[in-house]
Structures are given as structure tokens and as C-alpha cells.
């Protein structure tokens, strides 16, 4: 896995872009109002890392954000050839560095 580290980070980032938009409610837009709405949402989520909570506004559910499971599913469980299936013992429980990697890609 470490030999593919850089490629894996890039793959994760590419796969998370549509998930972040869906999970957090960002709009795919180029008009001024849409950009402003996205910017306000971004500011809310980035303030004190609110995006790691299941409910970022109420700051409830620390490290229970839906993006964690969705990211795991898309990146490591979507194919029988993926790492979590091949090397399942390394992912029980999900290692903290993996969760940190997901949130780093999200931010």
C-alpha cells in the first residue's frame, strides 16, 4: 500500500469530489448566488472542523459523518479486488490513519 500512497491519495480525492458535494449539499454552479451559498456552507463546515460531525451545525456525532462510510465504500469496498476485501484484517476496526486520510481529502 505504501508504494501506491501518492496514487491512492489522488484516487481518493477524485472519488470524494462528487461525494462531498452530495453529502454536504454543495451546489454545482457558476452563478454568483450559488457561489455565495457554497462559500457560506464551506465556512460553516471548516469552522473548527465541523465537517467531521454527523450534524455539523449542532456539532453532534463526532467522527460519525456520512462521508466516512461512503468514502470507504467507494474507495476500498466497491470491487472484489480492492484493498479492504483483500486485506480485511487491516481494516477491522478502520484504522485512525484511514479516517484521517478521508478527512484530509475532504478538507
PDB file of N, CA and C in Angstrom:
ATOM      1  N   UNK A   1       0.830  -1.193   0.000  1.00  0.00           N
ATOM      2  CA  UNK A   1       0.000   0.000   0.000  1.00  0.00           C
ATOM      3  C   UNK A   1       0.871   1.252   0.000  1.00  0.00           C
ATOM      4  N   UNK A   2       1.971   1.218   0.754  1.00  0.00           N
ATOM      5  CA  UNK A   2       2.800   2.425   0.840  1.00  0.00           C
ATOM      6  C   UNK A   2       3.431   2.794  -0.495  1.00  0.00           C
ATOM      7  N   UNK A   3       3.680   1.810  -1.375  1.00  0.00           N
ATOM      8  CA  UNK A   3       4.256   2.137  -2.678  1.00  0.00           C
ATOM      9  C   UNK A   3       3.258   2.851  -3.571  1.00  0.00           C
ATOM     10  N   UNK A   4       1.976   2.729  -3.264  1.00  0.00           N
ATOM     11  CA  UNK A   4       0.928   3.378  -4.052  1.00  0.00           C
ATOM     12  C   UNK A   4       0.347   4.582  -3.321  1.00  0.00           C
ATOM     13  N   UNK A   5       1.016   5.038  -2.286  1.00  0.00           N
ATOM     14  CA  UNK A   5       0.490   6.090  -1.417  1.00  0.00           C
ATOM     15  C   UNK A   5       0.037   7.332  -2.172  1.00  0.00           C
ATOM     16  N   UNK A   6       0.894   7.889  -3.005  1.00  0.00           N
ATOM     17  CA  UNK A   6       0.561   9.115  -3.726  1.00  0.00           C
ATOM     18  C   UNK A   6      -0.601   8.892  -4.684  1.00  0.00           C
ATOM     19  N   UNK A   7      -0.575   7.779  -5.394  1.00  0.00           N
ATOM     20  CA  UNK A   7      -1.664   7.464  -6.325  1.00  0.00           C
ATOM     21  C   UNK A   7      -2.977   7.268  -5.569  1.00  0.00           C
ATOM     22  N   UNK A   8      -2.914   6.604  -4.411  1.00  0.00           N
ATOM     23  CA  UNK A   8      -4.111   6.357  -3.620  1.00  0.00           C
ATOM     24  C   UNK A   8      -4.723   7.672  -3.137  1.00  0.00           C
ATOM     25  N   UNK A   9      -3.896   8.601  -2.682  1.00  0.00           N
ATOM     26  CA  UNK A   9      -4.419   9.897  -2.230  1.00  0.00           C
ATOM     27  C   UNK A   9      -5.118  10.621  -3.368  1.00  0.00           C
ATOM     28  N   UNK A  10      -4.518  10.599  -4.546  1.00  0.00           N
ATOM     29  CA  UNK A  10      -5.137  11.236  -5.711  1.00  0.00           C
ATOM     30  C   UNK A  10      -6.434  10.563  -6.103  1.00  0.00           C
ATOM     31  N   UNK A  11      -6.447   9.226  -6.080  1.00  0.00           N
ATOM     32  CA  UNK A  11      -7.674   8.484  -6.397  1.00  0.00           C
ATOM     33  C   UNK A  11      -8.774   8.824  -5.399  1.00  0.00           C
ATOM     34  N   UNK A  12      -8.418   8.873  -4.119  1.00  0.00           N
ATOM     35  CA  UNK A  12      -9.406   9.188  -3.090  1.00  0.00           C
ATOM     36  C   UNK A  12      -9.968  10.588  -3.305  1.00  0.00           C
ATOM     37  N   UNK A  13      -9.096  11.542  -3.530  1.00  0.00           N
ATOM     38  CA  UNK A  13      -9.548  12.916  -3.768  1.00  0.00           C
ATOM     39  C   UNK A  13     -10.513  12.974  -4.952  1.00  0.00           C
ATOM     40  N   UNK A  14     -10.161  12.313  -6.040  1.00  0.00           N
ATOM     41  CA  UNK A  14     -11.014  12.324  -7.231  1.00  0.00           C
ATOM     42  C   UNK A  14     -12.376  11.687  -6.966  1.00  0.00           C
ATOM     43  N   UNK A  15     -12.391  10.633  -6.175  1.00  0.00           N
ATOM     44  CA  UNK A  15     -13.653   9.947  -5.880  1.00  0.00           C
ATOM     45  C   UNK A  15     -14.493  10.709  -4.862  1.00  0.00           C
ATOM     46  N   UNK A  16     -13.846  11.516  -4.027  1.00  0.00           N
ATOM     47  CA  UNK A  16     -14.581  12.243  -2.986  1.00  0.00           C
ATOM     48  C   UNK A  16     -15.257  13.511  -3.477  1.00  0.00           C
ATOM     49  N   UNK A  17     -14.787  14.092  -4.557  1.00  0.00           N
ATOM     50  CA  UNK A  17     -15.371  15.356  -5.030  1.00  0.00           C
ATOM     51  C   UNK A  17     -16.886  15.253  -5.177  1.00  0.00           C
ATOM     52  N   UNK A  18     -17.427  14.273  -5.904  1.00  0.00           N
ATOM     53  CA  UNK A  18     -18.888  14.201  -6.004  1.00  0.00           C
ATOM     54  C   UNK A  18     -19.554  13.812  -4.687  1.00  0.00           C
ATOM     55  N   UNK A  19     -18.873  13.022  -3.856  1.00  0.00           N
ATOM     56  CA  UNK A  19     -19.454  12.640  -2.568  1.00  0.00           C
ATOM     57  C   UNK A  19     -19.570  13.838  -1.632  1.00  0.00           C
ATOM     58  N   UNK A  20     -18.535  14.660  -1.590  1.00  0.00           N
ATOM     59  CA  UNK A  20     -18.563  15.852  -0.732  1.00  0.00           C
ATOM     60  C   UNK A  20     -19.707  16.764  -1.153  1.00  0.00           C
ATOM     61  N   UNK A  21     -19.858  16.939  -2.443  1.00  0.00           N
ATOM     62  CA  UNK A  21     -20.946  17.778  -2.955  1.00  0.00           C
ATOM     63  C   UNK A  21     -22.298  17.211  -2.512  1.00  0.00           C
ATOM     64  N   UNK A  22     -22.469  15.902  -2.640  1.00  0.00           N
ATOM     65  CA  UNK A  22     -23.737  15.265  -2.284  1.00  0.00           C
ATOM     66  C   UNK A  22     -23.989  15.275  -0.780  1.00  0.00           C
ATOM     67  N   UNK A  23     -23.007  14.857  -0.003  1.00  0.00           N
ATOM     68  CA  UNK A  23     -23.182  14.717   1.446  1.00  0.00           C
ATOM     69  C   UNK A  23     -23.385  16.060   2.128  1.00  0.00           C
ATOM     70  N   UNK A  24     -22.609  17.058   1.746  1.00  0.00           N
ATOM     71  CA  UNK A  24     -22.660  18.342   2.433  1.00  0.00           C
ATOM     72  C   UNK A  24     -23.555  19.368   1.754  1.00  0.00           C
ATOM     73  N   UNK A  25     -24.065  19.059   0.578  1.00  0.00           N
ATOM     74  CA  UNK A  25     -25.040  19.930  -0.073  1.00  0.00           C
ATOM     75  C   UNK A  25     -24.478  21.076  -0.891  1.00  0.00           C
ATOM     76  N   UNK A  26     -23.249  20.944  -1.359  1.00  0.00           N
ATOM     77  CA  UNK A  26     -22.700  21.978  -2.235  1.00  0.00           C
ATOM     78  C   UNK A  26     -23.409  21.948  -3.579  1.00  0.00           C
ATOM     79  N   UNK A  27     -23.545  23.121  -4.171  1.00  0.00           N
ATOM     80  CA  UNK A  27     -24.198  23.246  -5.477  1.00  0.00           C
ATOM     81  C   UNK A  27     -23.155  23.261  -6.583  1.00  0.00           C
ATOM     82  N   UNK A  28     -23.493  22.604  -7.679  1.00  0.00           N
ATOM     83  CA  UNK A  28     -22.640  22.655  -8.859  1.00  0.00           C
ATOM     84  C   UNK A  28     -23.137  23.817  -9.700  1.00  0.00           C
ATOM     85  N   UNK A  29     -22.496  24.975  -9.536  1.00  0.00           N
ATOM     86  CA  UNK A  29     -22.995  26.200 -10.150  1.00  0.00           C
ATOM     87  C   UNK A  29     -21.858  27.157 -10.446  1.00  0.00           C
ATOM     88  N   UNK A  30     -22.123  28.087 -11.330  1.00  0.00           N
ATOM     89  CA  UNK A  30     -21.140  29.140 -11.590  1.00  0.00           C
ATOM     90  C   UNK A  30     -21.749  30.526 -11.409  1.00  0.00           C
ATOM     91  N   UNK A  31     -23.045  30.574 -11.007  1.00  0.00           N
ATOM     92  CA  UNK A  31     -23.646  31.895 -10.810  1.00  0.00           C
ATOM     93  C   UNK A  31     -23.264  32.447  -9.436  1.00  0.00           C
ATOM     94  N   UNK A  32     -23.300  33.758  -9.328  1.00  0.00           N
ATOM     95  CA  UNK A  32     -22.835  34.454  -8.122  1.00  0.00           C
ATOM     96  C   UNK A  32     -23.563  33.987  -6.855  1.00  0.00           C
ATOM     97  N   UNK A  33     -24.875  33.837  -6.917  1.00  0.00           N
ATOM     98  CA  UNK A  33     -25.638  33.429  -5.731  1.00  0.00           C
ATOM     99  C   UNK A  33     -25.251  32.015  -5.289  1.00  0.00           C
ATOM    100  N   UNK A  34     -25.120  31.109  -6.243  1.00  0.00           N
ATOM    101  CA  UNK A  34     -24.721  29.743  -5.922  1.00  0.00           C
ATOM    102  C   UNK A  34     -23.335  29.676  -5.310  1.00  0.00           C
ATOM    103  N   UNK A  35     -22.435  30.466  -5.852  1.00  0.00           N
ATOM    104  CA  UNK A  35     -21.077  30.518  -5.310  1.00  0.00           C
ATOM    105  C   UNK A  35     -21.097  31.061  -3.885  1.00  0.00           C
ATOM    106  N   UNK A  36     -21.911  32.066  -3.641  1.00  0.00           N
ATOM    107  CA  UNK A  36     -22.028  32.639  -2.296  1.00  0.00           C
ATOM    108  C   UNK A  36     -22.585  31.608  -1.315  1.00  0.00           C
ATOM    109  N   UNK A  37     -23.607  30.868  -1.736  1.00  0.00           N
ATOM    110  CA  UNK A  37     -24.187  29.822  -0.879  1.00  0.00           C
ATOM    111  C   UNK A  37     -23.126  28.763  -0.569  1.00  0.00           C
ATOM    112  N   UNK A  38     -22.390  28.338  -1.589  1.00  0.00           N
ATOM    113  CA  UNK A  38     -21.329  27.351  -1.381  1.00  0.00           C
ATOM    114  C   UNK A  38     -20.256  27.874  -0.434  1.00  0.00           C
ATOM    115  N   UNK A  39     -19.903  29.140  -0.568  1.00  0.00           N
ATOM    116  CA  UNK A  39     -18.871  29.726   0.287  1.00  0.00           C
ATOM    117  C   UNK A  39     -19.320  29.758   1.748  1.00  0.00           C
ATOM    118  N   UNK A  40     -20.581  30.124   1.983  1.00  0.00           N
ATOM    119  CA  UNK A  40     -21.101  30.139   3.360  1.00  0.00           C
ATOM    120  C   UNK A  40     -21.112  28.732   3.950  1.00  0.00           C
ATOM    121  N   UNK A  41     -21.529  27.763   3.135  1.00  0.00           N
ATOM    122  CA  UNK A  41     -21.532  26.376   3.587  1.00  0.00           C
ATOM    123  C   UNK A  41     -20.111  25.913   3.902  1.00  0.00           C
ATOM    124  N   UNK A  42     -19.184  26.260   3.043  1.00  0.00           N
ATOM    125  CA  UNK A  42     -17.777  25.923   3.265  1.00  0.00           C
ATOM    126  C   UNK A  42     -17.285  26.517   4.585  1.00  0.00           C
ATOM    127  N   UNK A  43     -17.600  27.786   4.833  1.00  0.00           N
ATOM    128  CA  UNK A  43     -17.166  28.446   6.070  1.00  0.00           C
ATOM    129  C   UNK A  43     -17.739  27.748   7.299  1.00  0.00           C
ATOM    130  N   UNK A  44     -18.993  27.338   7.232  1.00  0.00           N
ATOM    131  CA  UNK A  44     -19.630  26.622   8.349  1.00  0.00           C
ATOM    132  C   UNK A  44     -18.920  25.294   8.595  1.00  0.00           C
ATOM    133  N   UNK A  45     -18.681  24.557   7.528  1.00  0.00           N
ATOM    134  CA  UNK A  45     -18.068  23.236   7.656  1.00  0.00           C
ATOM    135  C   UNK A  45     -16.619  23.306   8.119  1.00  0.00           C
ATOM    136  N   UNK A  46     -15.876  24.317   7.690  1.00  0.00           N
ATOM    137  CA  UNK A  46     -14.467  24.429   8.062  1.00  0.00           C
ATOM    138  C   UNK A  46     -14.261  25.010   9.462  1.00  0.00           C
ATOM    139  N   UNK A  47     -15.249  25.752   9.961  1.00  0.00           N
ATOM    140  CA  UNK A  47     -15.100  26.355  11.286  1.00  0.00           C
ATOM    141  C   UNK A  47     -14.960  25.242  12.323  1.00  0.00           C
ATOM    142  N   UNK A  48     -13.810  25.214  12.954  1.00  0.00           N
ATOM    143  CA  UNK A  48     -13.497  24.223  13.977  1.00  0.00           C
ATOM    144  C   UNK A  48     -13.763  22.803  13.488  1.00  0.00           C
ATOM    145  N   UNK A  49     -13.496  22.569  12.197  1.00  0.00           N
ATOM    146  CA  UNK A  49     -13.627  21.232  11.601  1.00  0.00           C
ATOM    147  C   UNK A  49     -15.014  20.616  11.790  1.00  0.00           C
ATOM    148  N   UNK A  50     -16.044  21.413  11.608  1.00  0.00           N
ATOM    149  CA  UNK A  50     -17.415  20.931  11.788  1.00  0.00           C
ATOM    150  C   UNK A  50     -17.758  19.785  10.847  1.00  0.00           C
ATOM    151  N   UNK A  51     -17.048  19.671   9.732  1.00  0.00           N
ATOM    152  CA  UNK A  51     -17.351  18.628   8.753  1.00  0.00           C
ATOM    153  C   UNK A  51     -17.112  17.214   9.277  1.00  0.00           C
ATOM    154  N   UNK A  52     -16.440  17.043  10.403  1.00  0.00           N
ATOM    155  CA  UNK A  52     -16.210  15.707  10.952  1.00  0.00           C
ATOM    156  C   UNK A  52     -17.403  15.196  11.758  1.00  0.00           C
ATOM    157  N   UNK A  53     -18.390  16.051  11.989  1.00  0.00           N
ATOM    158  CA  UNK A  53     -19.571  15.670  12.765  1.00  0.00           C
ATOM    159  C   UNK A  53     -20.693  15.173  11.861  1.00  0.00           C
ATOM    160  N   UNK A  54     -21.505  14.270  12.381  1.00  0.00           N
ATOM    161  CA  UNK A  54     -22.696  13.821  11.658  1.00  0.00           C
ATOM    162  C   UNK A  54     -23.619  15.006  11.415  1.00  0.00           C
ATOM    163  N   UNK A  55     -23.775  15.860  12.433  1.00  0.00           N
ATOM    164  CA  UNK A  55     -24.539  17.101  12.290  1.00  0.00           C
ATOM    165  C   UNK A  55     -23.566  18.262  12.494  1.00  0.00           C
ATOM    166  N   UNK A  56     -23.046  18.823  11.408  1.00  0.00           N
ATOM    167  CA  UNK A  56     -22.032  19.876  11.536  1.00  0.00           C
ATOM    168  C   UNK A  56     -22.536  21.149  12.206  1.00  0.00           C
ATOM    169  N   UNK A  57     -23.817  21.450  12.094  1.00  0.00           N
ATOM    170  CA  UNK A  57     -24.354  22.677  12.686  1.00  0.00           C
ATOM    171  C   UNK A  57     -24.461  22.538  14.202  1.00  0.00           C
ATOM    172  N   UNK A  58     -25.025  21.423  14.670  1.00  0.00           N
ATOM    173  CA  UNK A  58     -25.173  21.191  16.114  1.00  0.00           C
ATOM    174  C   UNK A  58     -23.920  20.578  16.732  1.00  0.00           C
ATOM    175  N   UNK A  59     -22.981  20.190  15.859  1.00  0.00           N
ATOM    176  CA  UNK A  59     -21.733  19.566  16.294  1.00  0.00           C
ATOM    177  C   UNK A  59     -21.998  18.326  17.140  1.00  0.00           C
ATOM    178  N   UNK A  60     -22.856  17.467  16.614  1.00  0.00           N
ATOM    179  CA  UNK A  60     -23.197  16.192  17.267  1.00  0.00           C
ATOM    180  C   UNK A  60     -22.704  15.049  16.393  1.00  0.00           C
ATOM    181  N   UNK A  61     -22.268  13.976  17.030  1.00  0.00           N
ATOM    182  CA  UNK A  61     -21.818  12.802  16.300  1.00  0.00           C
ATOM    183  C   UNK A  61     -20.400  12.926  15.780  1.00  0.00           C
ATOM    184  N   UNK A  62     -19.467  13.176  16.700  1.00  0.00           N
ATOM    185  CA  UNK A  62     -18.066  13.335  16.323  1.00  0.00           C
ATOM    186  C   UNK A  62     -17.562  12.094  15.585  1.00  0.00           C
ATOM    187  N   UNK A  63     -16.954  12.293  14.440  1.00  0.00           N
ATOM    188  CA  UNK A  63     -16.423  11.245  13.563  1.00  0.00           C
ATOM    189  C   UNK A  63     -17.488  10.241  13.126  1.00  0.00           C
ATOM    190  N   UNK A  64     -18.733  10.705  13.043  1.00  0.00           N
ATOM    191  CA  UNK A  64     -19.830   9.879  12.539  1.00  0.00           C
ATOM    192  C   UNK A  64     -20.383  10.440  11.232  1.00  0.00           C
ATOM    193  N   UNK A  65     -19.659  11.325  10.597  1.00  0.00           N
ATOM    194  CA  UNK A  65     -20.111  11.932   9.342  1.00  0.00           C
ATOM    195  C   UNK A  65     -20.326  10.844   8.290  1.00  0.00           C
ATOM    196  N   UNK A  66     -21.401  10.978   7.530  1.00  0.00           N
ATOM    197  CA  UNK A  66     -21.729  10.002   6.489  1.00  0.00           C
ATOM    198  C   UNK A  66     -20.610   9.841   5.468  1.00  0.00           C
ATOM    199  N   UNK A  67     -19.818  10.860   5.300  1.00  0.00           N
ATOM    200  CA  UNK A  67     -18.745  10.822   4.304  1.00  0.00           C
ATOM    201  C   UNK A  67     -17.740   9.711   4.603  1.00  0.00           C
ATOM    202  N   UNK A  68     -17.599   9.320   5.869  1.00  0.00           N
ATOM    203  CA  UNK A  68     -16.640   8.267   6.218  1.00  0.00           C
ATOM    204  C   UNK A  68     -17.038   6.955   5.550  1.00  0.00           C
ATOM    205  N   UNK A  69     -18.258   6.489   5.817  1.00  0.00           N
ATOM    206  CA  UNK A  69     -18.690   5.209   5.258  1.00  0.00           C
ATOM    207  C   UNK A  69     -18.775   5.253   3.739  1.00  0.00           C
ATOM    208  N   UNK A  70     -19.285   6.347   3.207  1.00  0.00           N
ATOM    209  CA  UNK A  70     -19.376   6.464   1.748  1.00  0.00           C
ATOM    210  C   UNK A  70     -17.992   6.417   1.101  1.00  0.00           C
ATOM    211  N   UNK A  71     -17.041   7.085   1.713  1.00  0.00           N
ATOM    212  CA  UNK A  71     -15.670   7.075   1.185  1.00  0.00           C
ATOM    213  C   UNK A  71     -15.072   5.678   1.233  1.00  0.00           C
ATOM    214  N   UNK A  72     -15.270   5.008   2.350  1.00  0.00           N
ATOM    215  CA  UNK A  72     -14.770   3.640   2.472  1.00  0.00           C
ATOM    216  C   UNK A  72     -15.384   2.743   1.402  1.00  0.00           C
ATOM    217  N   UNK A  73     -16.691   2.860   1.225  1.00  0.00           N
ATOM    218  CA  UNK A  73     -17.378   2.031   0.230  1.00  0.00           C
ATOM    219  C   UNK A  73     -16.843   2.278  -1.170  1.00  0.00           C
ATOM    220  N   UNK A  74     -16.726   3.549  -1.536  1.00  0.00           N
ATOM    221  CA  UNK A  74     -16.296   3.900  -2.894  1.00  0.00           C
ATOM    222  C   UNK A  74     -14.822   3.562  -3.126  1.00  0.00           C
ATOM    223  N   UNK A  75     -13.994   3.845  -2.154  1.00  0.00           N
ATOM    224  CA  UNK A  75     -12.552   3.703  -2.359  1.00  0.00           C
ATOM    225  C   UNK A  75     -12.052   2.279  -2.139  1.00  0.00           C
ATOM    226  N   UNK A  76     -12.574   1.602  -1.126  1.00  0.00           N
ATOM    227  CA  UNK A  76     -11.975   0.333  -0.748  1.00  0.00           C
ATOM    228  C   UNK A  76     -12.908  -0.879  -0.781  1.00  0.00           C
ATOM    229  N   UNK A  77     -14.196  -0.691  -0.994  1.00  0.00           N
ATOM    230  CA  UNK A  77     -15.116  -1.827  -0.978  1.00  0.00           C
ATOM    231  C   UNK A  77     -15.945  -1.985  -2.247  1.00  0.00           C
ATOM    232  N   UNK A  78     -15.732  -1.199  -3.260  1.00  0.00           N
ATOM    233  CA  UNK A  78     -16.609  -1.237  -4.432  1.00  0.00           C
ATOM    234  C   UNK A  78     -16.257  -2.346  -5.421  1.00  0.00           C
ATOM    235  N   UNK A  79     -15.169  -3.042  -5.200  1.00  0.00           N
ATOM    236  CA  UNK A  79     -14.762  -4.115  -6.109  1.00  0.00           C
ATOM    237  C   UNK A  79     -14.131  -5.248  -5.297  1.00  0.00           C
ATOM    238  N   UNK A  80     -14.338  -6.499  -5.718  1.00  0.00           N
ATOM    239  CA  UNK A  80     -13.704  -7.622  -5.006  1.00  0.00           C
ATOM    240  C   UNK A  80     -12.176  -7.541  -4.999  1.00  0.00           C
ATOM    241  N   UNK A  81     -11.607  -6.740  -5.887  1.00  0.00           N
ATOM    242  CA  UNK A  81     -10.150  -6.607  -5.968  1.00  0.00           C
ATOM    243  C   UNK A  81      -9.602  -5.511  -5.057  1.00  0.00           C
ATOM    244  N   UNK A  82     -10.457  -4.744  -4.422  1.00  0.00           N
ATOM    245  CA  UNK A  82      -9.999  -3.616  -3.611  1.00  0.00           C
ATOM    246  C   UNK A  82      -9.328  -4.071  -2.315  1.00  0.00           C
ATOM    247  N   UNK A  83      -8.525  -3.174  -1.757  1.00  0.00           N
ATOM    248  CA  UNK A  83      -7.662  -3.467  -0.624  1.00  0.00           C
ATOM    249  C   UNK A  83      -8.396  -3.982   0.611  1.00  0.00           C
ATOM    250  N   UNK A  84      -9.516  -3.387   0.961  1.00  0.00           N
ATOM    251  CA  UNK A  84     -10.217  -3.807   2.183  1.00  0.00           C
ATOM    252  C   UNK A  84     -10.688  -5.244   2.081  1.00  0.00           C
ATOM    253  N   UNK A  85     -11.031  -5.669   0.900  1.00  0.00           N
ATOM    254  CA  UNK A  85     -11.501  -7.037   0.730  1.00  0.00           C
ATOM    255  C   UNK A  85     -10.313  -7.995   0.722  1.00  0.00           C
ATOM    256  N   UNK A  86      -9.243  -7.620   0.061  1.00  0.00           N
ATOM    257  CA  UNK A  86      -8.043  -8.463   0.025  1.00  0.00           C
ATOM    258  C   UNK A  86      -7.362  -8.552   1.390  1.00  0.00           C
ATOM    259  N   UNK A  87      -7.286  -7.415   2.072  1.00  0.00           N
ATOM    260  CA  UNK A  87      -6.552  -7.327   3.333  1.00  0.00           C
ATOM    261  C   UNK A  87      -7.482  -6.882   4.459  1.00  0.00           C
ATOM    262  N   UNK A  88      -8.607  -7.554   4.591  1.00  0.00           N
ATOM    263  CA  UNK A  88      -9.652  -7.165   5.534  1.00  0.00           C
ATOM    264  C   UNK A  88      -9.199  -7.026   6.975  1.00  0.00           C
ATOM    265  N   UNK A  89      -8.252  -7.867   7.391  1.00  0.00           N
ATOM    266  CA  UNK A  89      -7.804  -7.802   8.786  1.00  0.00           C
ATOM    267  C   UNK A  89      -7.192  -6.450   9.140  1.00  0.00           C
ATOM    268  N   UNK A  90      -6.626  -5.759   8.153  1.00  0.00           N
ATOM    269  CA  UNK A  90      -6.021  -4.450   8.405  1.00  0.00           C
ATOM    270  C   UNK A  90      -7.071  -3.354   8.578  1.00  0.00           C
ATOM    271  N   UNK A  91      -8.310  -3.671   8.266  1.00  0.00           N
ATOM    272  CA  UNK A  91      -9.373  -2.667   8.318  1.00  0.00           C
ATOM    273  C   UNK A  91     -10.418  -2.978   9.384  1.00  0.00           C
ATOM    274  N   UNK A  92     -10.094  -3.848  10.330  1.00  0.00           N
ATOM    275  CA  UNK A  92     -11.007  -4.156  11.429  1.00  0.00           C
ATOM    276  C   UNK A  92     -10.309  -3.839  12.737  1.00  0.00           C
ATOM    277  N   UNK A  93     -10.633  -2.807  13.420  1.00  0.00           N
ATOM    278  CA  UNK A  93     -11.529  -1.719  13.004  1.00  0.00           C
ATOM    279  C   UNK A  93     -10.826  -0.837  11.969  1.00  0.00           C
ATOM    280  N   UNK A  94     -11.569   0.100  11.440  1.00  0.00           N
ATOM    281  CA  UNK A  94     -10.991   1.029  10.473  1.00  0.00           C
ATOM    282  C   UNK A  94      -9.875   1.800  11.176  1.00  0.00           C
ATOM    283  N   UNK A  95      -8.665   1.763  10.660  1.00  0.00           N
ATOM    284  CA  UNK A  95      -7.553   2.462  11.316  1.00  0.00           C
ATOM    285  C   UNK A  95      -7.767   3.981  11.342  1.00  0.00           C
ATOM    286  N   UNK A  96      -7.358   4.581  12.431  1.00  0.00           N
ATOM    287  CA  UNK A  96      -7.471   6.038  12.551  1.00  0.00           C
ATOM    288  C   UNK A  96      -6.755   6.773  11.420  1.00  0.00           C
ATOM    289  N   UNK A  97      -5.584   6.306  10.967  1.00  0.00           N
ATOM    290  CA  UNK A  97      -4.965   6.997   9.827  1.00  0.00           C
ATOM    291  C   UNK A  97      -5.841   6.977   8.568  1.00  0.00           C
ATOM    292  N   UNK A  98      -6.646   5.937   8.393  1.00  0.00           N
ATOM    293  CA  UNK A  98      -7.549   5.884   7.242  1.00  0.00           C
ATOM    294  C   UNK A  98      -8.632   6.942   7.376  1.00  0.00           C
ATOM    295  N   UNK A  99      -9.181   7.083   8.574  1.00  0.00           N
ATOM    296  CA  UNK A  99     -10.193   8.117   8.815  1.00  0.00           C
ATOM    297  C   UNK A  99      -9.568   9.497   8.638  1.00  0.00           C
ATOM    298  N   UNK A 100      -8.347   9.660   9.137  1.00  0.00           N
ATOM    299  CA  UNK A 100      -7.648  10.942   8.964  1.00  0.00           C
ATOM    300  C   UNK A 100      -7.406  11.234   7.484  1.00  0.00           C
ATOM    301  N   UNK A 101      -7.052  10.217   6.713  1.00  0.00           N
ATOM    302  CA  UNK A 101      -6.843  10.388   5.277  1.00  0.00           C
ATOM    303  C   UNK A 101      -8.126  10.856   4.602  1.00  0.00           C
ATOM    304  N   UNK A 102      -9.243  10.263   4.973  1.00  0.00           N
ATOM    305  CA  UNK A 102     -10.534  10.654   4.393  1.00  0.00           C
ATOM    306  C   UNK A 102     -10.827  12.118   4.701  1.00  0.00           C
ATOM    307  N   UNK A 103     -10.694  12.505   5.961  1.00  0.00           N
ATOM    308  CA  UNK A 103     -10.997  13.892   6.320  1.00  0.00           C
ATOM    309  C   UNK A 103      -9.986  14.878   5.737  1.00  0.00           C
ATOM    310  N   UNK A 104      -8.752  14.446   5.544  1.00  0.00           N
ATOM    311  CA  UNK A 104      -7.778  15.305   4.874  1.00  0.00           C
ATOM    312  C   UNK A 104      -8.206  15.548   3.435  1.00  0.00           C
ATOM    313  N   UNK A 105      -8.660  14.497   2.775  1.00  0.00           N
ATOM    314  CA  UNK A 105      -9.133  14.643   1.392  1.00  0.00           C
ATOM    315  C   UNK A 105     -10.394  15.500   1.327  1.00  0.00           C
ATOM    316  N   UNK A 106     -11.268  15.363   2.316  1.00  0.00           N
ATOM    317  CA  UNK A 106     -12.497  16.162   2.352  1.00  0.00           C
ATOM    318  C   UNK A 106     -12.163  17.632   2.513  1.00  0.00           C
ATOM    319  N   UNK A 107     -11.225  17.938   3.397  1.00  0.00           N
ATOM    320  CA  UNK A 107     -10.921  19.346   3.665  1.00  0.00           C
ATOM    321  C   UNK A 107     -10.192  19.969   2.506  1.00  0.00           C
TER     322      UNK A 107
END
